[in-house]
């Protein structure tokens, strides 16, 4: 990775962290913006069965076996090894740091939940962090891979759509506010950018010399 690309990734990471911290400070001090409350309440308990199925993609029961599969693929196919290890590291960091910041900000959960009452703190959403720190990240990997263009396009769009669906599921189940989702996305994207800046090899984008 060129020094200018590493510098850009580092700057992006710092800016995203600052936005993440400022958003957390704002919601703790002022609460959820009033203009978001209507849309948030309107989304609750719509498509609940689908939302419940999708939200499981952010729980440990799915993430552990999925991570094992990804690492096995990376071991079996060396050309995917860097992406496999990087994605699992980002998954773990997104997950654990989201949990850490939930305790730091200590924002209470919504009261209009359905299906499952989650009692952990609310900001940021660990599901949103995992969705973008792992699932959407694989969309980027697939898009810049050597796979046929149609496969790359379908895989990238599918992975990003899955990440967005996970975020939607948290709103449909009344598990998070929209600002929680935004915080999770900011945190995960900052981590990915920081990881790209710190690694000596290029993990995001098309490798140098590849058409």
C-alpha atoms as a PDB file:
ATOM      1  CA  UNK A   1       0.000   0.000   0.000  1.00  0.00           C
ATOM      2  CA  UNK A   2       1.429   3.359  -1.032  1.00  0.00           C
ATOM      3  CA  UNK A   3       2.236   5.935   1.632  1.00  0.00           C
ATOM      4  CA  UNK A   4      -0.365   8.371   0.291  1.00  0.00           C
ATOM      5  CA  UNK A   5      -3.067   5.689   0.389  1.00  0.00           C
ATOM      6  CA  UNK A   6      -2.059   4.764   3.940  1.00  0.00           C
ATOM      7  CA  UNK A   7      -2.163   8.433   4.951  1.00  0.00           C
ATOM      8  CA  UNK A   8      -5.611   8.890   3.422  1.00  0.00           C
ATOM      9  CA  UNK A   9      -6.935   5.795   5.199  1.00  0.00           C
ATOM     10  CA  UNK A  10      -5.531   7.059   8.508  1.00  0.00           C
ATOM     11  CA  UNK A  11      -7.150  10.480   8.060  1.00  0.00           C
ATOM     12  CA  UNK A  12     -10.487   8.867   7.206  1.00  0.00           C
ATOM     13  CA  UNK A  13     -10.227   6.676  10.318  1.00  0.00           C
ATOM     14  CA  UNK A  14      -9.557   9.665  12.587  1.00  0.00           C
ATOM     15  CA  UNK A  15     -12.412  11.686  11.109  1.00  0.00           C
ATOM     16  CA  UNK A  16     -14.834   8.779  11.484  1.00  0.00           C
ATOM     17  CA  UNK A  17     -13.801   8.227  15.103  1.00  0.00           C
ATOM     18  CA  UNK A  18     -14.411  11.905  15.847  1.00  0.00           C
ATOM     19  CA  UNK A  19     -17.856  11.734  14.205  1.00  0.00           C
ATOM     20  CA  UNK A  20     -18.621   8.571  16.155  1.00  0.00           C
ATOM     21  CA  UNK A  21     -17.658  10.147  19.477  1.00  0.00           C
ATOM     22  CA  UNK A  22     -19.523  13.373  18.727  1.00  0.00           C
ATOM     23  CA  UNK A  23     -22.686  11.496  17.765  1.00  0.00           C
ATOM     24  CA  UNK A  24     -22.481   9.513  20.987  1.00  0.00           C
ATOM     25  CA  UNK A  25     -22.009  12.686  23.011  1.00  0.00           C
ATOM     26  CA  UNK A  26     -24.983  14.288  21.261  1.00  0.00           C
ATOM     27  CA  UNK A  27     -27.461  11.455  21.803  1.00  0.00           C
ATOM     28  CA  UNK A  28     -26.515  11.135  25.464  1.00  0.00           C
ATOM     29  CA  UNK A  29     -26.930  14.864  26.004  1.00  0.00           C
ATOM     30  CA  UNK A  30     -29.972  15.518  23.805  1.00  0.00           C
ATOM     31  CA  UNK A  31     -31.598  12.158  23.102  1.00  0.00           C
ATOM     32  CA  UNK A  32     -32.800  10.898  19.745  1.00  0.00           C
ATOM     33  CA  UNK A  33     -33.547  13.722  17.284  1.00  0.00           C
ATOM     34  CA  UNK A  34     -37.295  14.346  17.184  1.00  0.00           C
ATOM     35  CA  UNK A  35     -37.451  14.074  13.395  1.00  0.00           C
ATOM     36  CA  UNK A  36     -36.230  10.466  13.585  1.00  0.00           C
ATOM     37  CA  UNK A  37     -38.747   9.254  16.162  1.00  0.00           C
ATOM     38  CA  UNK A  38     -41.685   9.001  13.756  1.00  0.00           C
ATOM     39  CA  UNK A  39     -39.902   6.868  11.144  1.00  0.00           C
ATOM     40  CA  UNK A  40     -38.381   4.704  13.890  1.00  0.00           C
ATOM     41  CA  UNK A  41     -41.746   3.937  15.486  1.00  0.00           C
ATOM     42  CA  UNK A  42     -43.286   3.278  12.063  1.00  0.00           C
ATOM     43  CA  UNK A  43     -40.698   0.581  11.311  1.00  0.00           C
ATOM     44  CA  UNK A  44     -41.248  -1.439  14.476  1.00  0.00           C
ATOM     45  CA  UNK A  45     -43.076  -4.776  14.129  1.00  0.00           C
ATOM     46  CA  UNK A  46     -43.135  -4.735  10.314  1.00  0.00           C
ATOM     47  CA  UNK A  47     -41.592  -7.759   8.654  1.00  0.00           C
ATOM     48  CA  UNK A  48     -40.902  -9.079  12.132  1.00  0.00           C
ATOM     49  CA  UNK A  49     -40.284 -12.713  11.188  1.00  0.00           C
ATOM     50  CA  UNK A  50     -37.812 -11.768   8.465  1.00  0.00           C
ATOM     51  CA  UNK A  51     -36.164  -9.232  10.776  1.00  0.00           C
ATOM     52  CA  UNK A  52     -35.772 -11.866  13.488  1.00  0.00           C
ATOM     53  CA  UNK A  53     -34.156 -14.297  11.026  1.00  0.00           C
ATOM     54  CA  UNK A  54     -31.799 -11.643   9.644  1.00  0.00           C
ATOM     55  CA  UNK A  55     -30.795 -10.305  13.049  1.00  0.00           C
ATOM     56  CA  UNK A  56     -29.393 -13.735  13.963  1.00  0.00           C
ATOM     57  CA  UNK A  57     -26.564 -13.028  11.521  1.00  0.00           C
ATOM     58  CA  UNK A  58     -25.155 -10.709  14.199  1.00  0.00           C
ATOM     59  CA  UNK A  59     -25.324 -13.211  17.079  1.00  0.00           C
ATOM     60  CA  UNK A  60     -22.460 -15.391  18.298  1.00  0.00           C
ATOM     61  CA  UNK A  61     -24.278 -18.602  17.302  1.00  0.00           C
ATOM     62  CA  UNK A  62     -23.859 -17.628  13.638  1.00  0.00           C
ATOM     63  CA  UNK A  63     -20.689 -15.530  13.806  1.00  0.00           C
ATOM     64  CA  UNK A  64     -18.451 -18.221  15.314  1.00  0.00           C
ATOM     65  CA  UNK A  65     -19.134 -20.952  12.722  1.00  0.00           C
ATOM     66  CA  UNK A  66     -19.100 -18.355   9.934  1.00  0.00           C
ATOM     67  CA  UNK A  67     -15.685 -17.101  11.061  1.00  0.00           C
ATOM     68  CA  UNK A  68     -14.374 -20.669  11.120  1.00  0.00           C
ATOM     69  CA  UNK A  69     -15.625 -21.220   7.557  1.00  0.00           C
ATOM     70  CA  UNK A  70     -13.978 -17.978   6.387  1.00  0.00           C
ATOM     71  CA  UNK A  71     -10.649 -18.976   7.957  1.00  0.00           C
ATOM     72  CA  UNK A  72     -10.854 -22.432   6.399  1.00  0.00           C
ATOM     73  CA  UNK A  73     -11.428 -20.843   2.999  1.00  0.00           C
ATOM     74  CA  UNK A  74      -8.429 -18.578   3.592  1.00  0.00           C
ATOM     75  CA  UNK A  75      -6.282 -21.566   4.516  1.00  0.00           C
ATOM     76  CA  UNK A  76      -7.461 -23.567   1.490  1.00  0.00           C
ATOM     77  CA  UNK A  77      -7.135 -20.706  -1.014  1.00  0.00           C
ATOM     78  CA  UNK A  78      -4.017 -18.582  -0.319  1.00  0.00           C
ATOM     79  CA  UNK A  79      -5.210 -15.762  -2.583  1.00  0.00           C
ATOM     80  CA  UNK A  80      -8.010 -15.130  -0.077  1.00  0.00           C
ATOM     81  CA  UNK A  81      -5.918 -15.607   3.064  1.00  0.00           C
ATOM     82  CA  UNK A  82      -5.249 -11.940   3.796  1.00  0.00           C
ATOM     83  CA  UNK A  83      -8.899 -10.995   3.309  1.00  0.00           C
ATOM     84  CA  UNK A  84     -10.090 -13.903   5.466  1.00  0.00           C
ATOM     85  CA  UNK A  85      -7.826 -13.036   8.405  1.00  0.00           C
ATOM     86  CA  UNK A  86      -8.450  -9.298   8.079  1.00  0.00           C
ATOM     87  CA  UNK A  87     -12.242  -9.759   7.999  1.00  0.00           C
ATOM     88  CA  UNK A  88     -12.294 -11.966  11.095  1.00  0.00           C
ATOM     89  CA  UNK A  89     -10.042  -9.497  12.960  1.00  0.00           C
ATOM     90  CA  UNK A  90     -12.366  -6.646  11.942  1.00  0.00           C
ATOM     91  CA  UNK A  91     -15.359  -8.704  13.049  1.00  0.00           C
ATOM     92  CA  UNK A  92     -13.872  -9.264  16.495  1.00  0.00           C
ATOM     93  CA  UNK A  93     -12.788  -5.634  16.891  1.00  0.00           C
ATOM     94  CA  UNK A  94     -16.132  -4.260  15.704  1.00  0.00           C
ATOM     95  CA  UNK A  95     -17.979  -6.581  18.047  1.00  0.00           C
ATOM     96  CA  UNK A  96     -15.878  -6.043  21.160  1.00  0.00           C
ATOM     97  CA  UNK A  97     -15.305  -2.302  20.741  1.00  0.00           C
ATOM     98  CA  UNK A  98     -19.011  -1.725  20.131  1.00  0.00           C
ATOM     99  CA  UNK A  99     -19.686  -3.548  23.390  1.00  0.00           C
ATOM    100  CA  UNK A 100     -17.018  -1.470  25.163  1.00  0.00           C
ATOM    101  CA  UNK A 101     -18.448   1.824  23.922  1.00  0.00           C
ATOM    102  CA  UNK A 102     -21.964   0.727  24.864  1.00  0.00           C
ATOM    103  CA  UNK A 103     -20.775   0.600  28.461  1.00  0.00           C
ATOM    104  CA  UNK A 104     -18.953   3.917  28.124  1.00  0.00           C
ATOM    105  CA  UNK A 105     -21.961   5.811  26.715  1.00  0.00           C
ATOM    106  CA  UNK A 106     -24.498   3.747  28.727  1.00  0.00           C
ATOM    107  CA  UNK A 107     -27.461   4.754  26.583  1.00  0.00           C
ATOM    108  CA  UNK A 108     -30.660   2.919  27.607  1.00  0.00           C
ATOM    109  CA  UNK A 109     -32.421   0.679  25.087  1.00  0.00           C
ATOM    110  CA  UNK A 110     -35.712   1.517  23.434  1.00  0.00           C
ATOM    111  CA  UNK A 111     -38.899   0.475  25.220  1.00  0.00           C
ATOM    112  CA  UNK A 112     -40.951  -0.432  22.123  1.00  0.00           C
ATOM    113  CA  UNK A 113     -39.041  -3.656  21.442  1.00  0.00           C
ATOM    114  CA  UNK A 114     -40.636  -6.771  19.950  1.00  0.00           C
ATOM    115  CA  UNK A 115     -39.694 -10.479  20.108  1.00  0.00           C
ATOM    116  CA  UNK A 116     -36.650 -10.100  22.361  1.00  0.00           C
ATOM    117  CA  UNK A 117     -35.910  -7.582  25.076  1.00  0.00           C
ATOM    118  CA  UNK A 118     -32.191  -6.884  24.959  1.00  0.00           C
ATOM    119  CA  UNK A 119     -30.983  -5.318  28.181  1.00  0.00           C
ATOM    120  CA  UNK A 120     -27.467  -4.249  27.160  1.00  0.00           C
ATOM    121  CA  UNK A 121     -26.813  -0.597  26.409  1.00  0.00           C
ATOM    122  CA  UNK A 122     -27.760   0.907  23.080  1.00  0.00           C
ATOM    123  CA  UNK A 123     -25.068   3.124  21.497  1.00  0.00           C
ATOM    124  CA  UNK A 124     -23.485   2.003  19.247  1.00  0.00           C
ATOM    125  CA  UNK A 125     -25.279  -0.952  17.681  1.00  0.00           C
ATOM    126  CA  UNK A 126     -22.954  -3.941  17.698  1.00  0.00           C
ATOM    127  CA  UNK A 127     -25.077  -5.516  14.950  1.00  0.00           C
ATOM    128  CA  UNK A 128     -24.493  -2.483  12.701  1.00  0.00           C
ATOM    129  CA  UNK A 129     -20.777  -2.541  13.492  1.00  0.00           C
ATOM    130  CA  UNK A 130     -20.571  -6.230  12.612  1.00  0.00           C
ATOM    131  CA  UNK A 131     -22.697  -5.718   9.498  1.00  0.00           C
ATOM    132  CA  UNK A 132     -20.257  -3.171   8.065  1.00  0.00           C
ATOM    133  CA  UNK A 133     -17.055  -4.436   9.683  1.00  0.00           C
ATOM    134  CA  UNK A 134     -17.579  -7.935   8.287  1.00  0.00           C
ATOM    135  CA  UNK A 135     -20.435  -8.450   5.819  1.00  0.00           C
ATOM    136  CA  UNK A 136     -20.101  -5.190   3.855  1.00  0.00           C
ATOM    137  CA  UNK A 137     -16.314  -5.561   4.021  1.00  0.00           C
ATOM    138  CA  UNK A 138     -16.647  -8.813   2.114  1.00  0.00           C
ATOM    139  CA  UNK A 139     -18.651  -6.903  -0.477  1.00  0.00           C
ATOM    140  CA  UNK A 140     -15.592  -4.711  -1.017  1.00  0.00           C
ATOM    141  CA  UNK A 141     -13.305  -7.742  -1.184  1.00  0.00           C
ATOM    142  CA  UNK A 142     -15.514  -9.454  -3.758  1.00  0.00           C
ATOM    143  CA  UNK A 143     -15.830  -6.346  -5.918  1.00  0.00           C
ATOM    144  CA  UNK A 144     -12.055  -5.940  -6.170  1.00  0.00           C
ATOM    145  CA  UNK A 145     -11.347  -9.655  -6.621  1.00  0.00           C
ATOM    146  CA  UNK A 146     -10.321 -11.566  -9.752  1.00  0.00           C
ATOM    147  CA  UNK A 147     -13.708 -13.284  -9.998  1.00  0.00           C
ATOM    148  CA  UNK A 148     -15.799 -12.802 -13.173  1.00  0.00           C
ATOM    149  CA  UNK A 149     -17.446  -9.404 -13.305  1.00  0.00           C
ATOM    150  CA  UNK A 150     -20.993 -10.744 -12.925  1.00  0.00           C
ATOM    151  CA  UNK A 151     -19.963 -12.775  -9.885  1.00  0.00           C
ATOM    152  CA  UNK A 152     -18.153  -9.792  -8.388  1.00  0.00           C
ATOM    153  CA  UNK A 153     -21.151  -7.539  -8.908  1.00  0.00           C
ATOM    154  CA  UNK A 154     -23.662 -10.036  -7.518  1.00  0.00           C
ATOM    155  CA  UNK A 155     -21.438 -10.872  -4.548  1.00  0.00           C
ATOM    156  CA  UNK A 156     -20.676  -7.257  -3.691  1.00  0.00           C
ATOM    157  CA  UNK A 157     -24.293  -6.127  -3.962  1.00  0.00           C
ATOM    158  CA  UNK A 158     -25.478  -9.163  -2.015  1.00  0.00           C
ATOM    159  CA  UNK A 159     -23.008  -8.576   0.820  1.00  0.00           C
ATOM    160  CA  UNK A 160     -23.868  -4.873   1.114  1.00  0.00           C
ATOM    161  CA  UNK A 161     -27.601  -5.653   0.921  1.00  0.00           C
ATOM    162  CA  UNK A 162     -27.142  -8.180   3.721  1.00  0.00           C
ATOM    163  CA  UNK A 163     -25.345  -5.578   5.848  1.00  0.00           C
ATOM    164  CA  UNK A 164     -28.169  -3.093   5.283  1.00  0.00           C
ATOM    165  CA  UNK A 165     -30.760  -5.770   6.053  1.00  0.00           C
ATOM    166  CA  UNK A 166     -29.085  -6.478   9.396  1.00  0.00           C
ATOM    167  CA  UNK A 167     -29.266  -2.776  10.248  1.00  0.00           C
ATOM    168  CA  UNK A 168     -32.921  -2.672   9.219  1.00  0.00           C
ATOM    169  CA  UNK A 169     -33.705  -5.721  11.357  1.00  0.00           C
ATOM    170  CA  UNK A 170     -32.550  -3.912  14.493  1.00  0.00           C
ATOM    171  CA  UNK A 171     -34.981  -1.085  13.773  1.00  0.00           C
ATOM    172  CA  UNK A 172     -37.846  -3.417  12.869  1.00  0.00           C
ATOM    173  CA  UNK A 173     -37.375  -5.260  16.177  1.00  0.00           C
ATOM    174  CA  UNK A 174     -37.199  -2.006  18.151  1.00  0.00           C
ATOM    175  CA  UNK A 175     -33.744  -2.989  19.396  1.00  0.00           C
ATOM    176  CA  UNK A 176     -31.970   0.246  18.456  1.00  0.00           C
ATOM    177  CA  UNK A 177     -32.391   3.861  17.459  1.00  0.00           C
ATOM    178  CA  UNK A 178     -31.247   5.038  14.037  1.00  0.00           C
ATOM    179  CA  UNK A 179     -28.411   6.935  15.685  1.00  0.00           C
ATOM    180  CA  UNK A 180     -27.238   3.668  17.269  1.00  0.00           C
ATOM    181  CA  UNK A 181     -27.088   2.156  13.795  1.00  0.00           C
ATOM    182  CA  UNK A 182     -25.180   5.168  12.478  1.00  0.00           C
ATOM    183  CA  UNK A 183     -22.735   4.897  15.377  1.00  0.00           C
ATOM    184  CA  UNK A 184     -22.083   1.230  14.646  1.00  0.00           C
ATOM    185  CA  UNK A 185     -21.452   1.965  10.972  1.00  0.00           C
ATOM    186  CA  UNK A 186     -19.074   4.818  11.821  1.00  0.00           C
ATOM    187  CA  UNK A 187     -17.157   2.683  14.307  1.00  0.00           C
ATOM    188  CA  UNK A 188     -16.749  -0.269  11.950  1.00  0.00           C
ATOM    189  CA  UNK A 189     -15.740   1.879   8.989  1.00  0.00           C
ATOM    190  CA  UNK A 190     -13.188   3.677  11.162  1.00  0.00           C
ATOM    191  CA  UNK A 191     -11.723   0.327  12.243  1.00  0.00           C
ATOM    192  CA  UNK A 192     -11.487  -0.944   8.669  1.00  0.00           C
ATOM    193  CA  UNK A 193      -9.819   2.296   7.567  1.00  0.00           C
ATOM    194  CA  UNK A 194      -7.378   2.138  10.481  1.00  0.00           C
ATOM    195  CA  UNK A 195      -6.579  -1.488   9.697  1.00  0.00           C
ATOM    196  CA  UNK A 196      -5.947  -0.638   6.047  1.00  0.00           C
ATOM    197  CA  UNK A 197      -3.641   2.195   7.114  1.00  0.00           C
ATOM    198  CA  UNK A 198      -1.631   0.039   9.512  1.00  0.00           C
ATOM    199  CA  UNK A 199      -1.125  -3.048   7.355  1.00  0.00           C
ATOM    200  CA  UNK A 200       1.969  -3.063   5.122  1.00  0.00           C
ATOM    201  CA  UNK A 201       0.010  -4.780   2.340  1.00  0.00           C
ATOM    202  CA  UNK A 202      -3.009  -3.501   0.473  1.00  0.00           C
ATOM    203  CA  UNK A 203      -6.290  -5.053   1.627  1.00  0.00           C
ATOM    204  CA  UNK A 204      -8.814  -2.581   0.200  1.00  0.00           C
ATOM    205  CA  UNK A 205      -9.081  -1.771  -3.484  1.00  0.00           C
ATOM    206  CA  UNK A 206      -7.402  -3.386  -6.451  1.00  0.00           C
ATOM    207  CA  UNK A 207      -3.787  -4.430  -5.860  1.00  0.00           C
ATOM    208  CA  UNK A 208      -1.138  -2.497  -7.762  1.00  0.00           C
ATOM    209  CA  UNK A 209      -0.453  -3.811 -11.220  1.00  0.00           C
ATOM    210  CA  UNK A 210      -3.804  -5.577 -11.557  1.00  0.00           C
ATOM    211  CA  UNK A 211      -6.074  -4.339 -14.379  1.00  0.00           C
END
